Amino acid sequence: MSTRIVKAQPGGHPEALRVGRVSIRDFKRIEALALNARGRSVVVFQAPNRQGKTSALDALEAALCGKRHVPAEAVRRGARKGEVVLELHDDLQDRYRVVRRFTPKDSHLEVTDLRDGGRPVESPQVFLDGLIADLSFNPLAPLTAEAV
């Protein structure tokens, strides 16, 4: 999996961000998952059926794309709450930390600008929507892409 987020800059030059670190706790089928994808262009999820591969992709989508992308049963059975933490980086530094916490009835989002001493981003979902369009985040794209 290589998730690349492109943000338009003033003057039209894109700023490429990548998902670097991922932490998922009590989300769908996942009890706990920590992944450091920094420096990797592709991350492969390989496991037997029903081990959480799709849950991991769903967690990325739910964290970044908003409440309408949160599954009806986001919290793992037997848990009271869940959490997905993502760190987005460019080629030089960590840029943003995205934290979405889940309860059986709702979710809460926090985005922190890591370049500015950990300053919380105002209107975090609006901010993320500016980074990501529905067409730029498709976790199944690698499965449907033609071989080069």
Protein backbone atom coordinates (compact mmCIF):
# COMPACT_ATOMS: atom_id res chain seq x y z
CA MET A 1 0.00 0.00 0.00
CA SER A 2 1.34 3.40 -0.87
CA THR A 3 -0.95 6.21 0.11
CA ARG A 4 0.02 9.54 -1.33
CA ILE A 5 -1.89 12.68 -0.48
CA VAL A 6 -1.42 15.71 -2.68
CA LYS A 7 -2.25 19.18 -1.38
CA ALA A 8 -2.46 22.06 -3.84
CA GLN A 9 -0.22 24.94 -2.84
CA PRO A 10 -0.65 28.59 -3.76
CA GLY A 11 0.62 28.85 -7.31
CA GLY A 12 -0.61 25.34 -8.10
CA HIS A 13 2.43 23.30 -7.01
CA PRO A 14 1.41 20.12 -5.21
CA GLU A 15 2.80 19.14 -1.84
CA ALA A 16 3.13 15.35 -1.61
CA LEU A 17 2.37 13.81 1.77
CA ARG A 18 2.64 10.15 2.67
CA VAL A 19 1.24 8.10 5.50
CA GLY A 20 4.30 7.25 7.58
CA ARG A 21 3.34 5.81 10.94
CA VAL A 22 0.06 4.04 11.64
CA SER A 23 -1.35 2.91 14.96
CA ILE A 24 -4.73 1.18 15.13
CA ARG A 25 -6.36 0.04 18.35
CA ASP A 26 -9.71 -1.74 18.72
CA PHE A 27 -10.98 -0.92 15.25
CA LYS A 28 -13.19 -3.53 13.56
CA ARG A 29 -11.19 -6.83 13.61
CA ILE A 30 -7.93 -5.22 14.83
CA GLU A 31 -7.03 -5.32 18.50
CA ALA A 32 -3.70 -3.53 17.99
CA LEU A 33 -1.53 -2.74 14.96
CA ALA A 34 1.53 -0.52 14.70
CA LEU A 35 3.22 0.12 11.38
CA ASN A 36 6.09 2.37 10.38
CA ALA A 37 5.98 2.84 6.61
CA ARG A 38 8.49 5.69 6.47
CA GLY A 39 10.99 5.22 3.69
CA ARG A 40 8.87 2.56 1.99
CA SER A 41 7.06 3.19 -1.25
CA VAL A 42 4.89 0.08 -0.90
CA VAL A 43 3.54 -1.79 2.12
CA VAL A 44 2.05 -5.23 1.53
CA PHE A 45 -0.65 -6.61 3.82
CA GLN A 46 -0.50 -10.39 3.60
CA ALA A 47 -2.40 -12.68 5.94
CA PRO A 48 -5.06 -15.40 5.92
CA ASN A 49 -8.70 -14.39 5.51
CA ARG A 50 -10.44 -12.63 8.42
CA GLN A 51 -7.21 -11.38 10.01
CA GLY A 52 -7.83 -7.62 9.56
CA LYS A 53 -6.34 -6.60 6.20
CA THR A 54 -9.52 -4.86 5.08
CA SER A 55 -10.01 -3.47 8.59
CA ALA A 56 -6.60 -1.76 8.32
CA LEU A 57 -7.57 -0.12 5.03
CA ASP A 58 -10.96 0.85 6.46
CA ALA A 59 -9.17 2.45 9.43
CA LEU A 60 -7.08 4.64 7.12
CA GLU A 61 -10.15 5.70 5.19
CA ALA A 62 -12.21 6.40 8.33
CA ALA A 63 -9.40 8.43 9.92
CA LEU A 64 -8.81 10.61 6.88
CA CYS A 65 -12.11 10.85 5.04
CA GLY A 66 -14.62 11.70 7.75
CA LYS A 67 -17.65 10.40 9.56
CA ARG A 68 -19.47 9.28 6.44
CA HIS A 69 -16.62 6.78 5.90
CA VAL A 70 -16.74 5.38 9.44
CA PRO A 71 -18.24 1.87 9.48
CA ALA A 72 -21.40 1.33 11.52
CA GLU A 73 -19.46 -1.01 13.85
CA ALA A 74 -16.07 0.69 13.98
CA VAL A 75 -15.22 -0.38 17.55
CA ARG A 76 -13.93 -3.96 17.86
CA ARG A 77 -16.35 -6.31 19.57
CA GLY A 78 -15.60 -6.46 23.28
CA ALA A 79 -13.91 -3.04 23.33
CA ARG A 80 -15.42 0.21 24.59
CA LYS A 81 -13.56 2.55 22.24
CA GLY A 82 -11.12 2.49 19.35
CA GLU A 83 -8.46 4.76 17.90
CA VAL A 84 -6.54 5.32 14.68
CA VAL A 85 -3.41 7.50 14.69
CA LEU A 86 -1.65 8.46 11.45
CA GLU A 87 1.44 10.57 10.94
CA LEU A 88 1.70 12.25 7.56
CA HIS A 89 5.08 13.35 6.28
CA ASP A 90 6.72 14.85 3.23
CA ASP A 91 10.21 14.01 2.01
CA LEU A 92 11.84 16.05 4.78
CA GLN A 93 9.81 15.90 7.99
CA ASP A 94 6.72 14.79 9.85
CA ARG A 95 3.95 17.25 9.03
CA TYR A 96 0.64 16.27 10.64
CA ARG A 97 -0.71 13.82 13.20
CA VAL A 98 -4.28 12.64 12.60
CA VAL A 99 -6.09 11.02 15.53
CA ARG A 100 -9.63 9.71 15.20
CA ARG A 101 -11.19 8.14 18.28
CA PHE A 102 -14.27 5.95 18.02
CA THR A 103 -17.06 5.03 20.39
CA PRO A 104 -19.98 2.78 19.46
CA LYS A 105 -22.07 5.90 18.73
CA ASP A 106 -19.64 8.52 17.40
CA SER A 107 -16.12 9.51 16.42
CA HIS A 108 -13.90 12.47 17.28
CA LEU A 109 -11.10 13.89 15.12
CA GLU A 110 -7.95 15.81 16.05
CA VAL A 111 -5.30 16.99 13.59
CA THR A 112 -2.03 18.43 14.89
CA ASP A 113 0.48 20.45 12.87
CA LEU A 114 3.80 18.92 13.93
CA ARG A 115 5.80 21.70 12.29
CA ASP A 116 4.28 24.34 14.52
CA GLY A 117 5.08 22.94 17.96
CA GLY A 118 2.12 20.58 17.94
CA ARG A 119 -0.54 23.21 17.29
CA PRO A 120 -4.05 21.79 16.84
CA VAL A 121 -5.53 22.44 13.40
CA GLU A 122 -8.83 24.32 13.45
CA SER A 123 -11.74 22.59 11.69
CA PRO A 124 -9.76 19.36 11.28
CA GLN A 125 -12.14 17.57 8.87
CA VAL A 126 -12.33 20.63 6.62
CA PHE A 127 -8.53 20.70 6.68
CA LEU A 128 -8.29 17.00 5.75
CA ASP A 129 -10.92 17.42 3.04
CA GLY A 130 -8.63 20.07 1.56
CA LEU A 131 -5.80 17.53 1.49
CA ILE A 132 -7.80 14.61 0.20
CA ALA A 133 -10.46 14.24 -2.45
CA ASP A 134 -12.50 11.05 -2.83
CA LEU A 135 -10.58 10.31 -6.02
CA SER A 136 -7.14 10.70 -4.44
CA PHE A 137 -7.73 8.08 -1.75
CA ASN A 138 -8.65 4.69 -3.09
CA PRO A 139 -7.20 1.86 -1.02
CA LEU A 140 -8.24 -0.65 -3.68
CA ALA A 141 -6.48 1.20 -6.52
CA PRO A 142 -3.41 -1.09 -6.43
CA LEU A 143 -5.70 -4.09 -6.99
CA THR A 144 -7.33 -2.61 -10.07
CA ALA A 145 -4.29 -0.90 -11.62
CA GLU A 146 -2.83 -2.30 -14.81
CA ALA A 147 0.67 -3.75 -14.65
CA VAL A 148 3.39 -1.53 -16.06
